[in-house]
Amino acid sequence: FMAASGKDGCTITCILKRGATCIMFTQNTLLPLEQTVMLPPAEAG
């Protein structure tokens, strides 16, 4: 699931879902974006 977020329109919020597990991260349309993403231990690898 993806949705534009931020006033500049350059940021996309992405949500991945499988069963009861959800994770979220952001993506920038102009530049690679460094971030820390918290992942469930069972699916992290």
PDB file of all heavy atoms in Angstrom:
ATOM      1  N   PHE A   1       0.864  -1.177   0.000  1.00  0.00           N
ATOM      2  CA  PHE A   1       0.000   0.000   0.000  1.00  0.00           C
ATOM      3  C   PHE A   1       0.899   1.224   0.000  1.00  0.00           C
ATOM      4  O   PHE A   1       1.830   1.297   0.793  1.00  0.00           O
ATOM      5  CB  PHE A   1      -0.892   0.010   1.251  1.00  0.00           C
ATOM      6  CG  PHE A   1      -1.756  -1.210   1.384  1.00  0.00           C
ATOM      7  CD1 PHE A   1      -1.323  -2.302   2.122  1.00  0.00           C
ATOM      8  CD2 PHE A   1      -2.992  -1.273   0.762  1.00  0.00           C
ATOM      9  CE1 PHE A   1      -2.110  -3.437   2.244  1.00  0.00           C
ATOM     10  CE2 PHE A   1      -3.792  -2.407   0.881  1.00  0.00           C
ATOM     11  CZ  PHE A   1      -3.338  -3.483   1.625  1.00  0.00           C
ATOM     12  N   MET A   2       0.613   2.164  -0.891  1.00  0.00           N
ATOM     13  CA  MET A   2       1.453   3.363  -0.978  1.00  0.00           C
ATOM     14  C   MET A   2       0.570   4.594  -1.061  1.00  0.00           C
ATOM     15  O   MET A   2      -0.493   4.557  -1.681  1.00  0.00           O
ATOM     16  CB  MET A   2       2.369   3.293  -2.192  1.00  0.00           C
ATOM     17  CG  MET A   2       3.328   2.120  -2.140  1.00  0.00           C
ATOM     18  SD  MET A   2       4.539   2.095  -3.443  1.00  0.00           S
ATOM     19  CE  MET A   2       3.556   1.894  -4.881  1.00  0.00           C
ATOM     20  N   ALA A   3       1.030   5.666  -0.431  1.00  0.00           N
ATOM     21  CA  ALA A   3       0.318   6.936  -0.481  1.00  0.00           C
ATOM     22  C   ALA A   3       1.319   8.076  -0.412  1.00  0.00           C
ATOM     23  O   ALA A   3       2.323   7.982   0.302  1.00  0.00           O
ATOM     24  CB  ALA A   3      -0.663   7.045   0.680  1.00  0.00           C
ATOM     25  N   ALA A   4       1.036   9.128  -1.163  1.00  0.00           N
ATOM     26  CA  ALA A   4       1.893  10.312  -1.107  1.00  0.00           C
ATOM     27  C   ALA A   4       1.733  10.962   0.260  1.00  0.00           C
ATOM     28  O   ALA A   4       0.643  11.011   0.812  1.00  0.00           O
ATOM     29  CB  ALA A   4       1.514  11.288  -2.209  1.00  0.00           C
ATOM     30  N   SER A   5       2.821  11.402   0.813  1.00  0.00           N
ATOM     31  CA  SER A   5       2.785  12.111   2.089  1.00  0.00           C
ATOM     32  C   SER A   5       3.789  13.245   2.023  1.00  0.00           C
ATOM     33  O   SER A   5       4.700  13.226   1.213  1.00  0.00           O
ATOM     34  CB  SER A   5       3.101  11.165   3.244  1.00  0.00           C
ATOM     35  OG  SER A   5       4.359  10.561   3.070  1.00  0.00           O
ATOM     36  N   GLY A   6       3.615  14.211   2.856  1.00  0.00           N
ATOM     37  CA  GLY A   6       4.502  15.366   2.820  1.00  0.00           C
ATOM     38  C   GLY A   6       3.944  16.438   1.902  1.00  0.00           C
ATOM     39  O   GLY A   6       3.284  16.152   0.908  1.00  0.00           O
ATOM     40  N   LYS A   7       4.214  17.663   2.223  1.00  0.00           N
ATOM     41  CA  LYS A   7       3.674  18.792   1.466  1.00  0.00           C
ATOM     42  C   LYS A   7       4.331  18.962   0.104  1.00  0.00           C
ATOM     43  O   LYS A   7       3.747  19.522  -0.807  1.00  0.00           O
ATOM     44  CB  LYS A   7       3.815  20.072   2.285  1.00  0.00           C
ATOM     45  CG  LYS A   7       2.975  20.064   3.523  1.00  0.00           C
ATOM     46  CD  LYS A   7       3.148  21.329   4.314  1.00  0.00           C
ATOM     47  CE  LYS A   7       2.329  21.245   5.591  1.00  0.00           C
ATOM     48  NZ  LYS A   7       2.490  22.405   6.432  1.00  0.00           N
ATOM     49  N   ASP A   8       5.564  18.480  -0.041  1.00  0.00           N
ATOM     50  CA  ASP A   8       6.286  18.677  -1.295  1.00  0.00           C
ATOM     51  C   ASP A   8       5.918  17.653  -2.366  1.00  0.00           C
ATOM     52  O   ASP A   8       6.274  17.811  -3.523  1.00  0.00           O
ATOM     53  CB  ASP A   8       7.787  18.660  -1.053  1.00  0.00           C
ATOM     54  CG  ASP A   8       8.268  17.352  -0.427  1.00  0.00           C
ATOM     55  OD1 ASP A   8       7.444  16.438  -0.212  1.00  0.00           O
ATOM     56  OD2 ASP A   8       9.471  17.266  -0.141  1.00  0.00           O
ATOM     57  N   GLY A   9       5.213  16.596  -1.986  1.00  0.00           N
ATOM     58  CA  GLY A   9       4.835  15.571  -2.947  1.00  0.00           C
ATOM     59  C   GLY A   9       5.967  14.638  -3.323  1.00  0.00           C
ATOM     60  O   GLY A   9       5.819  13.804  -4.207  1.00  0.00           O
ATOM     61  N   CYS A  10       7.108  14.750  -2.662  1.00  0.00           N
ATOM     62  CA  CYS A  10       8.271  13.927  -2.982  1.00  0.00           C
ATOM     63  C   CYS A  10       8.399  12.701  -2.087  1.00  0.00           C
ATOM     64  O   CYS A  10       9.255  11.856  -2.317  1.00  0.00           O
ATOM     65  CB  CYS A  10       9.548  14.752  -2.875  1.00  0.00           C
ATOM     66  SG  CYS A  10       9.643  16.051  -4.100  1.00  0.00           S
ATOM     67  N   THR A  11       7.576  12.598  -1.064  1.00  0.00           N
ATOM     68  CA  THR A  11       7.680  11.499  -0.120  1.00  0.00           C
ATOM     69  C   THR A  11       6.506  10.551  -0.290  1.00  0.00           C
ATOM     70  O   THR A  11       5.359  10.988  -0.401  1.00  0.00           O
ATOM     71  CB  THR A  11       7.719  12.025   1.325  1.00  0.00           C
ATOM     72  OG1 THR A  11       8.779  12.966   1.434  1.00  0.00           O
ATOM     73  CG2 THR A  11       7.944  10.908   2.318  1.00  0.00           C
ATOM     74  N   ILE A  12       6.803   9.262  -0.307  1.00  0.00           N
ATOM     75  CA  ILE A  12       5.786   8.224  -0.423  1.00  0.00           C
ATOM     76  C   ILE A  12       5.874   7.354   0.825  1.00  0.00           C
ATOM     77  O   ILE A  12       6.960   6.886   1.182  1.00  0.00           O
ATOM     78  CB  ILE A  12       6.024   7.353  -1.673  1.00  0.00           C
ATOM     79  CG1 ILE A  12       6.028   8.207  -2.930  1.00  0.00           C
ATOM     80  CG2 ILE A  12       4.983   6.243  -1.764  1.00  0.00           C
ATOM     81  CD1 ILE A  12       6.525   7.473  -4.161  1.00  0.00           C
ATOM     82  N   THR A  13       4.750   7.144   1.484  1.00  0.00           N
ATOM     83  CA  THR A  13       4.698   6.223   2.609  1.00  0.00           C
ATOM     84  C   THR A  13       4.291   4.865   2.070  1.00  0.00           C
ATOM     85  O   THR A  13       3.285   4.750   1.363  1.00  0.00           O
ATOM     86  CB  THR A  13       3.681   6.696   3.671  1.00  0.00           C
ATOM     87  OG1 THR A  13       4.117   7.962   4.165  1.00  0.00           O
ATOM     88  CG2 THR A  13       3.594   5.718   4.820  1.00  0.00           C
ATOM     89  N   CYS A  14       5.074   3.847   2.380  1.00  0.00           N
ATOM     90  CA  CYS A  14       4.819   2.493   1.898  1.00  0.00           C
ATOM     91  C   CYS A  14       4.519   1.585   3.092  1.00  0.00           C
ATOM     92  O   CYS A  14       5.238   1.630   4.094  1.00  0.00           O
ATOM     93  CB  CYS A  14       6.027   1.950   1.151  1.00  0.00           C
ATOM     94  SG  CYS A  14       6.561   2.999  -0.209  1.00  0.00           S
ATOM     95  N   ILE A  15       3.491   0.780   2.968  1.00  0.00           N
ATOM     96  CA  ILE A  15       3.149  -0.193   3.999  1.00  0.00           C
ATOM     97  C   ILE A  15       3.111  -1.563   3.342  1.00  0.00           C
ATOM     98  O   ILE A  15       2.488  -1.751   2.298  1.00  0.00           O
ATOM     99  CB  ILE A  15       1.788   0.124   4.648  1.00  0.00           C
ATOM    100  CG1 ILE A  15       1.847   1.482   5.337  1.00  0.00           C
ATOM    101  CG2 ILE A  15       1.380  -0.979   5.621  1.00  0.00           C
ATOM    102  CD1 ILE A  15       0.519   1.970   5.865  1.00  0.00           C
ATOM    103  N   LEU A  16       3.799  -2.517   3.937  1.00  0.00           N
ATOM    104  CA  LEU A  16       3.770  -3.911   3.503  1.00  0.00           C
ATOM    105  C   LEU A  16       2.979  -4.694   4.534  1.00  0.00           C
ATOM    106  O   LEU A  16       3.204  -4.564   5.730  1.00  0.00           O
ATOM    107  CB  LEU A  16       5.178  -4.479   3.388  1.00  0.00           C
ATOM    108  CG  LEU A  16       6.094  -3.855   2.346  1.00  0.00           C
ATOM    109  CD1 LEU A  16       7.472  -4.468   2.427  1.00  0.00           C
ATOM    110  CD2 LEU A  16       5.521  -4.035   0.952  1.00  0.00           C
ATOM    111  N   LYS A  17       2.046  -5.536   4.055  1.00  0.00           N
ATOM    112  CA  LYS A  17       1.201  -6.295   4.969  1.00  0.00           C
ATOM    113  C   LYS A  17       1.099  -7.739   4.507  1.00  0.00           C
ATOM    114  O   LYS A  17       0.902  -8.006   3.328  1.00  0.00           O
ATOM    115  CB  LYS A  17      -0.190  -5.676   5.033  1.00  0.00           C
ATOM    116  CG  LYS A  17      -1.134  -6.399   5.977  1.00  0.00           C
ATOM    117  CD  LYS A  17      -2.444  -5.688   6.076  1.00  0.00           C
ATOM    118  CE  LYS A  17      -3.418  -6.270   7.066  1.00  0.00           C
ATOM    119  NZ  LYS A  17      -3.222  -7.542   7.618  1.00  0.00           N
ATOM    120  N   ARG A  18       1.254  -8.654   5.447  1.00  0.00           N
ATOM    121  CA  ARG A  18       1.016 -10.079   5.203  1.00  0.00           C
ATOM    122  C   ARG A  18       0.430 -10.643   6.484  1.00  0.00           C
ATOM    123  O   ARG A  18       1.077 -10.595   7.533  1.00  0.00           O
ATOM    124  CB  ARG A  18       2.300 -10.806   4.818  1.00  0.00           C
ATOM    125  CG  ARG A  18       2.066 -12.291   4.542  1.00  0.00           C
ATOM    126  CD  ARG A  18       3.236 -12.954   3.896  1.00  0.00           C
ATOM    127  NE  ARG A  18       4.350 -13.082   4.827  1.00  0.00           N
ATOM    128  CZ  ARG A  18       5.532 -13.567   4.499  1.00  0.00           C
ATOM    129  NH1 ARG A  18       5.766 -13.948   3.258  1.00  0.00           N
ATOM    130  NH2 ARG A  18       6.489 -13.657   5.393  1.00  0.00           N
ATOM    131  N   GLY A  19      -0.784 -11.153   6.404  1.00  0.00           N
ATOM    132  CA  GLY A  19      -1.456 -11.645   7.602  1.00  0.00           C
ATOM    133  C   GLY A  19      -1.647 -10.506   8.587  1.00  0.00           C
ATOM    134  O   GLY A  19      -2.128  -9.439   8.239  1.00  0.00           O
ATOM    135  N   ALA A  20      -1.240 -10.723   9.817  1.00  0.00           N
ATOM    136  CA  ALA A  20      -1.367  -9.699  10.855  1.00  0.00           C
ATOM    137  C   ALA A  20      -0.117  -8.826  10.960  1.00  0.00           C
ATOM    138  O   ALA A  20      -0.034  -7.965  11.824  1.00  0.00           O
ATOM    139  CB  ALA A  20      -1.650 -10.361  12.195  1.00  0.00           C
ATOM    140  N   THR A  21       0.862  -9.043  10.092  1.00  0.00           N
ATOM    141  CA  THR A  21       2.135  -8.313  10.164  1.00  0.00           C
ATOM    142  C   THR A  21       2.132  -7.133   9.202  1.00  0.00           C
ATOM    143  O   THR A  21       1.817  -7.286   8.026  1.00  0.00           O
ATOM    144  CB  THR A  21       3.302  -9.255   9.822  1.00  0.00           C
ATOM    145  OG1 THR A  21       3.267 -10.370  10.696  1.00  0.00           O
ATOM    146  CG2 THR A  21       4.630  -8.552   9.935  1.00  0.00           C
ATOM    147  N   CYS A  22       2.489  -5.969   9.702  1.00  0.00           N
ATOM    148  CA  CYS A  22       2.613  -4.750   8.883  1.00  0.00           C
ATOM    149  C   CYS A  22       3.948  -4.085   9.168  1.00  0.00           C
ATOM    150  O   CYS A  22       4.396  -4.055  10.313  1.00  0.00           O
ATOM    151  CB  CYS A  22       1.514  -3.751   9.217  1.00  0.00           C
ATOM    152  SG  CYS A  22      -0.102  -4.243   8.684  1.00  0.00           S
ATOM    153  N   ILE A  23       4.569  -3.556   8.129  1.00  0.00           N
ATOM    154  CA  ILE A  23       5.754  -2.717   8.316  1.00  0.00           C
ATOM    155  C   ILE A  23       5.580  -1.473   7.462  1.00  0.00           C
ATOM    156  O   ILE A  23       4.854  -1.490   6.462  1.00  0.00           O
ATOM    157  CB  ILE A  23       7.066  -3.446   7.970  1.00  0.00           C
ATOM    158  CG1 ILE A  23       7.125  -3.811   6.491  1.00  0.00           C
ATOM    159  CG2 ILE A  23       7.265  -4.671   8.814  1.00  0.00           C
ATOM    160  CD1 ILE A  23       8.519  -3.972   6.008  1.00  0.00           C
ATOM    161  N   MET A  24       6.234  -0.402   7.861  1.00  0.00           N
ATOM    162  CA  MET A  24       6.115   0.853   7.143  1.00  0.00           C
ATOM    163  C   MET A  24       7.507   1.454   6.921  1.00  0.00           C
ATOM    164  O   MET A  24       8.379   1.343   7.780  1.00  0.00           O
ATOM    165  CB  MET A  24       5.267   1.834   7.938  1.00  0.00           C
ATOM    166  CG  MET A  24       5.010   3.137   7.217  1.00  0.00           C
ATOM    167  SD  MET A  24       3.973   4.261   8.155  1.00  0.00           S
ATOM    168  CE  MET A  24       5.169   4.933   9.279  1.00  0.00           C
ATOM    169  N   PHE A  25       7.679   2.067   5.757  1.00  0.00           N
ATOM    170  CA  PHE A  25       8.906   2.804   5.458  1.00  0.00           C
ATOM    171  C   PHE A  25       8.540   3.917   4.497  1.00  0.00           C
ATOM    172  O   PHE A  25       7.420   3.967   3.988  1.00  0.00           O
ATOM    173  CB  PHE A  25       9.991   1.889   4.880  1.00  0.00           C
ATOM    174  CG  PHE A  25       9.590   1.193   3.614  1.00  0.00           C
ATOM    175  CD1 PHE A  25       9.865   1.750   2.374  1.00  0.00           C
ATOM    176  CD2 PHE A  25       8.934  -0.025   3.663  1.00  0.00           C
ATOM    177  CE1 PHE A  25       9.483   1.110   1.210  1.00  0.00           C
ATOM    178  CE2 PHE A  25       8.554  -0.669   2.497  1.00  0.00           C
ATOM    179  CZ  PHE A  25       8.833  -0.106   1.273  1.00  0.00           C
ATOM    180  N   THR A  26       9.452   4.827   4.265  1.00  0.00           N
ATOM    181  CA  THR A  26       9.197   5.915   3.326  1.00  0.00           C
ATOM    182  C   THR A  26      10.150   5.835   2.144  1.00  0.00           C
ATOM    183  O   THR A  26      11.238   5.281   2.242  1.00  0.00           O
ATOM    184  CB  THR A  26       9.327   7.296   4.009  1.00  0.00           C
ATOM    185  OG1 THR A  26      10.616   7.390   4.606  1.00  0.00           O
ATOM    186  CG2 THR A  26       8.270   7.496   5.052  1.00  0.00           C
ATOM    187  N   GLN A  27       9.702   6.392   1.035  1.00  0.00           N
ATOM    188  CA  GLN A  27      10.485   6.419  -0.190  1.00  0.00           C
ATOM    189  C   GLN A  27      10.419   7.844  -0.719  1.00  0.00           C
ATOM    190  O   GLN A  27       9.367   8.478  -0.685  1.00  0.00           O
ATOM    191  CB  GLN A  27       9.880   5.425  -1.192  1.00  0.00           C
ATOM    192  CG  GLN A  27      10.735   5.091  -2.355  1.00  0.00           C
ATOM    193  CD  GLN A  27      10.127   3.976  -3.206  1.00  0.00           C
ATOM    194  OE1 GLN A  27       8.923   3.783  -3.252  1.00  0.00           O
ATOM    195  NE2 GLN A  27      10.973   3.254  -3.903  1.00  0.00           N
ATOM    196  N   ASN A  28      11.531   8.366  -1.198  1.00  0.00           N
ATOM    197  CA  ASN A  28      11.587   9.709  -1.746  1.00  0.00           C
ATOM    198  C   ASN A  28      11.651   9.602  -3.264  1.00  0.00           C
ATOM    199  O   ASN A  28      12.376   8.759  -3.788  1.00  0.00           O
ATOM    200  CB  ASN A  28      12.812  10.454  -1.199  1.00  0.00           C
ATOM    201  CG  ASN A  28      12.836  11.902  -1.594  1.00  0.00           C
ATOM    202  OD1 ASN A  28      12.975  12.232  -2.758  1.00  0.00           O
ATOM    203  ND2 ASN A  28      12.690  12.771  -0.611  1.00  0.00           N
ATOM    204  N   THR A  29      10.903  10.440  -3.963  1.00  0.00           N
ATOM    205  CA  THR A  29      10.870  10.352  -5.427  1.00  0.00           C
ATOM    206  C   THR A  29      12.101  10.938  -6.099  1.00  0.00           C
ATOM    207  O   THR A  29      12.333  10.684  -7.272  1.00  0.00           O
ATOM    208  CB  THR A  29       9.621  11.062  -5.985  1.00  0.00           C
ATOM    209  OG1 THR A  29       9.647  12.426  -5.583  1.00  0.00           O
ATOM    210  CG2 THR A  29       8.347  10.403  -5.494  1.00  0.00           C
ATOM    211  N   LEU A  30      12.907  11.708  -5.352  1.00  0.00           N
ATOM    212  CA  LEU A  30      14.060  12.372  -5.954  1.00  0.00           C
ATOM    213  C   LEU A  30      15.403  11.768  -5.578  1.00  0.00           C
ATOM    214  O   LEU A  30      16.308  11.690  -6.414  1.00  0.00           O
ATOM    215  CB  LEU A  30      14.062  13.855  -5.564  1.00  0.00           C
ATOM    216  CG  LEU A  30      12.806  14.647  -5.948  1.00  0.00           C
ATOM    217  CD1 LEU A  30      12.881  16.053  -5.390  1.00  0.00           C
ATOM    218  CD2 LEU A  30      12.621  14.650  -7.452  1.00  0.00           C
ATOM    219  N   LEU A  31      15.562  11.356  -4.321  1.00  0.00           N
ATOM    220  CA  LEU A  31      16.851  10.880  -3.821  1.00  0.00           C
ATOM    221  C   LEU A  31      16.681   9.611  -2.995  1.00  0.00           C
ATOM    222  O   LEU A  31      15.654   9.428  -2.346  1.00  0.00           O
ATOM    223  CB  LEU A  31      17.487  11.947  -2.921  1.00  0.00           C
ATOM    224  CG  LEU A  31      17.785  13.297  -3.547  1.00  0.00           C
ATOM    225  CD1 LEU A  31      18.108  14.312  -2.468  1.00  0.00           C
ATOM    226  CD2 LEU A  31      18.935  13.166  -4.521  1.00  0.00           C
ATOM    227  N   PRO A  32      17.693   8.738  -2.965  1.00  0.00           N
ATOM    228  CA  PRO A  32      17.654   7.605  -2.051  1.00  0.00           C
ATOM    229  C   PRO A  32      17.543   8.116  -0.612  1.00  0.00           C
ATOM    230  O   PRO A  32      18.121   9.151  -0.269  1.00  0.00           O
ATOM    231  CB  PRO A  32      18.984   6.891  -2.281  1.00  0.00           C
ATOM    232  CG  PRO A  32      19.412   7.315  -3.645  1.00  0.00           C
ATOM    233  CD  PRO A  32      18.897   8.725  -3.802  1.00  0.00           C
ATOM    234  N   LEU A  33      16.813   7.410   0.211  1.00  0.00           N
ATOM    235  CA  LEU A  33      16.522   7.867   1.562  1.00  0.00           C
ATOM    236  C   LEU A  33      17.021   6.851   2.586  1.00  0.00           C
ATOM    237  O   LEU A  33      16.563   5.712   2.609  1.00  0.00           O
ATOM    238  CB  LEU A  33      15.016   8.077   1.709  1.00  0.00           C
ATOM    239  CG  LEU A  33      14.491   8.679   2.982  1.00  0.00           C
ATOM    240  CD1 LEU A  33      15.051  10.090   3.179  1.00  0.00           C
ATOM    241  CD2 LEU A  33      12.975   8.727   2.942  1.00  0.00           C
ATOM    242  N   GLU A  34      17.979   7.267   3.415  1.00  0.00           N
ATOM    243  CA  GLU A  34      18.517   6.390   4.461  1.00  0.00           C
ATOM    244  C   GLU A  34      17.590   6.452   5.675  1.00  0.00           C
ATOM    245  O   GLU A  34      17.170   7.522   6.090  1.00  0.00           O
ATOM    246  CB  GLU A  34      19.918   6.849   4.846  1.00  0.00           C
ATOM    247  CG  GLU A  34      20.639   5.845   5.710  1.00  0.00           C
ATOM    248  CD  GLU A  34      22.087   6.227   5.936  1.00  0.00           C
ATOM    249  OE1 GLU A  34      22.808   6.426   4.942  1.00  0.00           O
ATOM    250  OE2 GLU A  34      22.470   6.319   7.109  1.00  0.00           O
ATOM    251  N   GLN A  35      17.278   5.282   6.230  1.00  0.00           N
ATOM    252  CA  GLN A  35      16.367   5.218   7.370  1.00  0.00           C
ATOM    253  C   GLN A  35      16.531   3.908   8.123  1.00  0.00           C
ATOM    254  O   GLN A  35      17.111   2.957   7.615  1.00  0.00           O
ATOM    255  CB  GLN A  35      14.921   5.376   6.906  1.00  0.00           C
ATOM    256  CG  GLN A  35      14.478   4.297   5.926  1.00  0.00           C
ATOM    257  CD  GLN A  35      13.210   4.652   5.205  1.00  0.00           C
ATOM    258  OE1 GLN A  35      12.148   4.586   5.798  1.00  0.00           O
ATOM    259  NE2 GLN A  35      13.320   5.029   3.947  1.00  0.00           N
ATOM    260  N   THR A  36      16.025   3.894   9.339  1.00  0.00           N
ATOM    261  CA  THR A  36      15.986   2.676  10.140  1.00  0.00           C
ATOM    262  C   THR A  36      14.561   2.150  10.098  1.00  0.00           C
ATOM    263  O   THR A  36      13.619   2.872  10.417  1.00  0.00           O
ATOM    264  CB  THR A  36      16.401   2.944  11.595  1.00  0.00           C
ATOM    265  OG1 THR A  36      17.732   3.455  11.596  1.00  0.00           O
ATOM    266  CG2 THR A  36      16.353   1.678  12.418  1.00  0.00           C
ATOM    267  N   VAL A  37      14.412   0.903   9.678  1.00  0.00           N
ATOM    268  CA  VAL A  37      13.099   0.270   9.594  1.00  0.00           C
ATOM    269  C   VAL A  37      13.043  -0.825  10.654  1.00  0.00           C
ATOM    270  O   VAL A  37      13.975  -1.622  10.790  1.00  0.00           O
ATOM    271  CB  VAL A  37      12.868  -0.325   8.184  1.00  0.00           C
ATOM    272  CG1 VAL A  37      11.522  -1.006   8.088  1.00  0.00           C
ATOM    273  CG2 VAL A  37      13.002   0.743   7.118  1.00  0.00           C
ATOM    274  N   MET A  38      11.962  -0.838  11.416  1.00  0.00           N
ATOM    275  CA  MET A  38      11.763  -1.870  12.440  1.00  0.00           C
ATOM    276  C   MET A  38      11.006  -3.025  11.797  1.00  0.00           C
ATOM    277  O   MET A  38       9.914  -2.839  11.265  1.00  0.00           O
ATOM    278  CB  MET A  38      10.980  -1.302  13.616  1.00  0.00           C
ATOM    279  CG  MET A  38      11.657  -0.099  14.270  1.00  0.00           C
ATOM    280  SD  MET A  38      13.338  -0.394  14.805  1.00  0.00           S
ATOM    281  CE  MET A  38      13.068  -1.394  16.240  1.00  0.00           C
ATOM    282  N   LEU A  39      11.590  -4.212  11.853  1.00  0.00           N
ATOM    283  CA  LEU A  39      10.989  -5.392  11.240  1.00  0.00           C
ATOM    284  C   LEU A  39      10.675  -6.445  12.301  1.00  0.00           C
ATOM    285  O   LEU A  39      11.433  -6.599  13.260  1.00  0.00           O
ATOM    286  CB  LEU A  39      11.942  -5.995  10.212  1.00  0.00           C
ATOM    287  CG  LEU A  39      12.384  -5.099   9.056  1.00  0.00           C
ATOM    288  CD1 LEU A  39      13.391  -5.842   8.186  1.00  0.00           C
ATOM    289  CD2 LEU A  39      11.191  -4.663   8.227  1.00  0.00           C
ATOM    290  N   PRO A  40       9.580  -7.188  12.114  1.00  0.00           N
ATOM    291  CA  PRO A  40       9.296  -8.286  13.031  1.00  0.00           C
ATOM    292  C   PRO A  40      10.408  -9.326  12.924  1.00  0.00           C
ATOM    293  O   PRO A  40      10.873  -9.626  11.821  1.00  0.00           O
ATOM    294  CB  PRO A  40       7.968  -8.855  12.540  1.00  0.00           C
ATOM    295  CG  PRO A  40       7.551  -8.041  11.370  1.00  0.00           C
ATOM    296  CD  PRO A  40       8.611  -7.056  11.063  1.00  0.00           C
ATOM    297  N   PRO A  41      10.873  -9.877  14.047  1.00  0.00           N
ATOM    298  CA  PRO A  41      12.019 -10.789  13.999  1.00  0.00           C
ATOM    299  C   PRO A  41      11.804 -12.013  13.118  1.00  0.00           C
ATOM    300  O   PRO A  41      12.726 -12.467  12.452  1.00  0.00           O
ATOM    301  CB  PRO A  41      12.248 -11.166  15.462  1.00  0.00           C
ATOM    302  CG  PRO A  41      11.049 -10.732  16.204  1.00  0.00           C
ATOM    303  CD  PRO A  41      10.364  -9.682  15.395  1.00  0.00           C
ATOM    304  N   ALA A  42      10.581 -12.536  13.065  1.00  0.00           N
ATOM    305  CA  ALA A  42      10.325 -13.746  12.279  1.00  0.00           C
ATOM    306  C   ALA A  42      10.473 -13.506  10.779  1.00  0.00           C
ATOM    307  O   ALA A  42      10.853 -14.410  10.039  1.00  0.00           O
ATOM    308  CB  ALA A  42       8.922 -14.277  12.589  1.00  0.00           C
ATOM    309  N   GLU A  43      10.191 -12.291  10.315  1.00  0.00           N
ATOM    310  CA  GLU A  43      10.230 -11.988   8.886  1.00  0.00           C
ATOM    311  C   GLU A  43      11.416 -11.123   8.479  1.00  0.00           C
ATOM    312  O   GLU A  43      11.579 -10.799   7.316  1.00  0.00           O
ATOM    313  CB  GLU A  43       8.935 -11.268   8.455  1.00  0.00           C
ATOM    314  CG  GLU A  43       7.705 -12.130   8.448  1.00  0.00           C
ATOM    315  CD  GLU A  43       6.988 -12.145   9.792  1.00  0.00           C
ATOM    316  OE1 GLU A  43       7.453 -11.477  10.733  1.00  0.00           O
ATOM    317  OE2 GLU A  43       5.969 -12.841   9.894  1.00  0.00           O
ATOM    318  N   ALA A  44      12.246 -10.725   9.418  1.00  0.00           N
ATOM    319  CA  ALA A  44      13.323  -9.772   9.136  1.00  0.00           C
ATOM    320  C   ALA A  44      14.287 -10.277   8.065  1.00  0.00           C
ATOM    321  O   ALA A  44      14.631  -9.542   7.137  1.00  0.00           O
ATOM    322  CB  ALA A  44      14.076  -9.433  10.410  1.00  0.00           C
ATOM    323  N   GLY A  45      14.736 -11.488   8.177  1.00  0.00           N
ATOM    324  CA  GLY A  45      15.679 -12.028   7.195  1.00  0.00           C
ATOM    325  C   GLY A  45      15.085 -12.096   5.805  1.00  0.00           C
ATOM    326  O   GLY A  45      15.720 -11.705   4.818  1.00  0.00           O
TER     327      GLY A  45
END
